[in-house]
Amino acid sequence: MAEYIPPSLDWVRKQVELYEGSGGREGNTLLDTGMPCIIVTHTGNKTGAIRKIPLMRVAVDNAYVLIGSMGGQPKNPVWVYNLRANPDVEIRDQTEVTKMRVREVSDDEERQRLWDIGAQAYPPYNDYQTKTSRKIPVFIAEPT
């Protein structure tokens, strides 16, 4: 079994520990926003280690939209590269854990539809896109 490497950012690590440690009964809203979140367990593309990241909960049908905004920073978050290299993930949505496979959405029409759903759930995504010149990656996680 691969080694687990906790998130390096203190608030992210605490969020994951609270969410996972309570079996999803606590910590299921992002600490700085109060918005619902999920935990995405994935594999590091360089280390091969297990990584966990809290992301906004953007559910669509029985899938989740994952948006690599990083607050509009100039670079993608590291998890984007991890998902591109290793698309098999587990998603914890409160007490439910589901094995899923992600794919990056490249079709402009599908991407716009999913972006709009994401921005409806979390309007700052639109502001983040205006802050950066990069096209913020959009993924869809679907059950395997």
Protein backbone atom coordinates (compact mmCIF):
# COMPACT_ATOMS: atom_id res chain seq x y z
CA MET A 1 0.00 0.00 0.00
CA ALA A 2 1.25 3.47 -0.89
CA GLU A 3 2.37 5.92 1.78
CA TYR A 4 -0.01 8.75 2.72
CA ILE A 5 1.51 12.23 2.55
CA PRO A 6 -0.68 14.79 4.37
CA PRO A 7 -1.29 18.19 2.76
CA SER A 8 1.51 20.67 3.42
CA LEU A 9 -0.75 23.68 4.00
CA ASP A 10 -1.81 23.74 7.65
CA TRP A 11 -5.47 24.66 7.08
CA VAL A 12 -5.84 22.02 4.35
CA ARG A 13 -4.27 19.32 6.53
CA LYS A 14 -6.58 20.24 9.44
CA GLN A 15 -9.63 20.20 7.13
CA VAL A 16 -8.76 16.71 5.85
CA GLU A 17 -8.01 15.41 9.36
CA LEU A 18 -11.34 16.69 10.73
CA TYR A 19 -13.35 15.41 7.75
CA GLU A 20 -11.69 11.99 7.58
CA GLY A 21 -11.32 11.58 11.36
CA SER A 22 -15.05 12.09 11.91
CA GLY A 23 -16.05 9.75 9.11
CA GLY A 24 -17.43 12.73 7.21
CA ARG A 25 -19.77 13.90 9.96
CA GLU A 26 -17.65 17.00 10.69
CA GLY A 27 -15.47 19.24 8.57
CA ASN A 28 -17.65 18.76 5.49
CA THR A 29 -17.76 22.48 4.80
CA LEU A 30 -14.67 24.41 3.78
CA LEU A 31 -13.36 26.18 6.84
CA ASP A 32 -12.94 29.57 5.16
CA THR A 33 -16.25 29.60 3.28
CA GLY A 34 -18.77 27.42 5.10
CA MET A 35 -19.54 25.89 1.69
CA PRO A 36 -19.99 22.11 1.32
CA CYS A 37 -16.84 20.24 0.33
CA ILE A 38 -15.67 16.77 -0.61
CA ILE A 39 -12.35 15.03 -0.03
CA VAL A 40 -10.63 13.75 -3.17
CA THR A 41 -8.14 10.96 -2.46
CA HIS A 42 -5.71 10.60 -5.34
CA THR A 43 -2.20 9.44 -6.21
CA GLY A 44 0.77 11.79 -6.48
CA ASN A 45 2.19 11.87 -10.00
CA LYS A 46 5.80 12.15 -8.82
CA THR A 47 5.75 10.35 -5.45
CA GLY A 48 3.15 7.65 -6.08
CA ALA A 49 1.92 8.48 -2.57
CA ILE A 50 -1.70 8.84 -1.48
CA ARG A 51 -2.78 12.49 -1.37
CA LYS A 52 -6.01 14.07 -0.12
CA ILE A 53 -7.46 17.46 -0.96
CA PRO A 54 -10.72 19.16 0.06
CA LEU A 55 -12.55 20.69 -2.90
CA MET A 56 -15.84 22.50 -3.32
CA ARG A 57 -18.76 20.08 -3.55
CA VAL A 58 -20.16 20.57 -7.03
CA ALA A 59 -22.42 17.59 -7.69
CA VAL A 60 -24.05 16.97 -11.03
CA ASP A 61 -26.15 13.82 -11.47
CA ASN A 62 -24.03 11.10 -9.82
CA ALA A 63 -20.75 12.85 -10.67
CA TYR A 64 -18.67 15.74 -9.30
CA VAL A 65 -17.16 18.75 -11.04
CA LEU A 66 -13.61 19.50 -9.88
CA ILE A 67 -12.27 22.97 -10.72
CA GLY A 68 -8.53 23.67 -10.47
CA SER A 69 -8.87 27.34 -9.61
CA MET A 70 -6.30 27.77 -6.81
CA GLY A 71 -7.91 31.13 -6.16
CA GLY A 72 -6.89 32.44 -9.59
CA GLN A 73 -3.16 31.94 -8.98
CA PRO A 74 -0.92 31.83 -12.09
CA LYS A 75 -0.16 28.10 -11.69
CA ASN A 76 -2.41 25.07 -11.46
CA PRO A 77 -2.73 23.37 -8.09
CA VAL A 78 -0.53 20.26 -7.81
CA TRP A 79 -3.56 17.98 -7.65
CA VAL A 80 -4.37 18.88 -11.28
CA TYR A 81 -1.16 17.16 -12.42
CA ASN A 82 -1.87 14.23 -10.13
CA LEU A 83 -5.32 13.69 -11.66
CA ARG A 84 -3.98 14.00 -15.19
CA ALA A 85 -1.43 11.27 -14.46
CA ASN A 86 -3.61 9.07 -12.21
CA PRO A 87 -7.34 9.46 -12.93
CA ASP A 88 -8.59 6.85 -10.44
CA VAL A 89 -9.73 8.54 -7.23
CA GLU A 90 -11.96 8.10 -4.21
CA ILE A 91 -14.35 10.85 -3.28
CA ARG A 92 -15.71 11.27 0.23
CA ASP A 93 -18.97 13.20 0.30
CA GLN A 94 -19.76 13.35 4.00
CA THR A 95 -20.14 9.70 5.08
CA GLU A 96 -20.18 8.20 1.57
CA VAL A 97 -16.93 7.14 -0.13
CA THR A 98 -17.07 6.29 -3.83
CA LYS A 99 -14.42 5.06 -6.26
CA MET A 100 -14.45 7.31 -9.31
CA ARG A 101 -12.50 8.08 -12.43
CA VAL A 102 -11.80 11.65 -13.49
CA ARG A 103 -11.33 13.11 -16.91
CA GLU A 104 -10.31 16.58 -17.84
CA VAL A 105 -13.02 18.28 -19.85
CA SER A 106 -11.66 19.62 -23.12
CA ASP A 107 -14.87 20.00 -25.14
CA ASP A 108 -15.68 23.73 -24.95
CA GLU A 109 -19.45 23.26 -24.69
CA GLU A 110 -19.25 20.60 -21.97
CA ARG A 111 -16.59 22.60 -20.12
CA GLN A 112 -18.73 25.76 -20.16
CA ARG A 113 -21.79 23.85 -18.92
CA LEU A 114 -19.80 22.33 -16.04
CA TRP A 115 -18.05 25.63 -15.29
CA ASP A 116 -21.45 27.35 -15.03
CA ILE A 117 -22.66 24.68 -12.60
CA GLY A 118 -19.49 25.16 -10.56
CA ALA A 119 -19.83 28.94 -10.56
CA GLN A 120 -23.45 28.66 -9.48
CA ALA A 121 -22.33 26.57 -6.48
CA TYR A 122 -19.36 28.88 -5.80
CA PRO A 123 -19.56 32.27 -7.59
CA PRO A 124 -15.92 33.30 -6.83
CA TYR A 125 -14.80 30.86 -9.55
CA ASN A 126 -15.70 33.53 -12.11
CA ASP A 127 -13.52 36.08 -10.30
CA TYR A 128 -10.65 33.58 -10.14
CA GLN A 129 -10.74 33.12 -13.92
CA THR A 130 -10.47 36.87 -14.48
CA LYS A 131 -7.41 37.02 -12.17
CA THR A 132 -5.34 34.58 -14.23
CA SER A 133 -4.30 34.18 -17.84
CA ARG A 134 -4.38 30.36 -17.61
CA LYS A 135 -7.50 28.46 -18.58
CA ILE A 136 -8.58 26.97 -15.26
CA PRO A 137 -8.84 23.17 -15.61
CA VAL A 138 -12.23 21.51 -15.20
CA PHE A 139 -12.56 17.80 -14.44
CA ILE A 140 -15.55 15.53 -14.08
CA ALA A 141 -15.38 12.62 -11.62
CA GLU A 142 -17.69 9.75 -12.53
CA PRO A 143 -18.36 6.42 -10.80
CA THR A 144 -16.30 3.51 -12.11
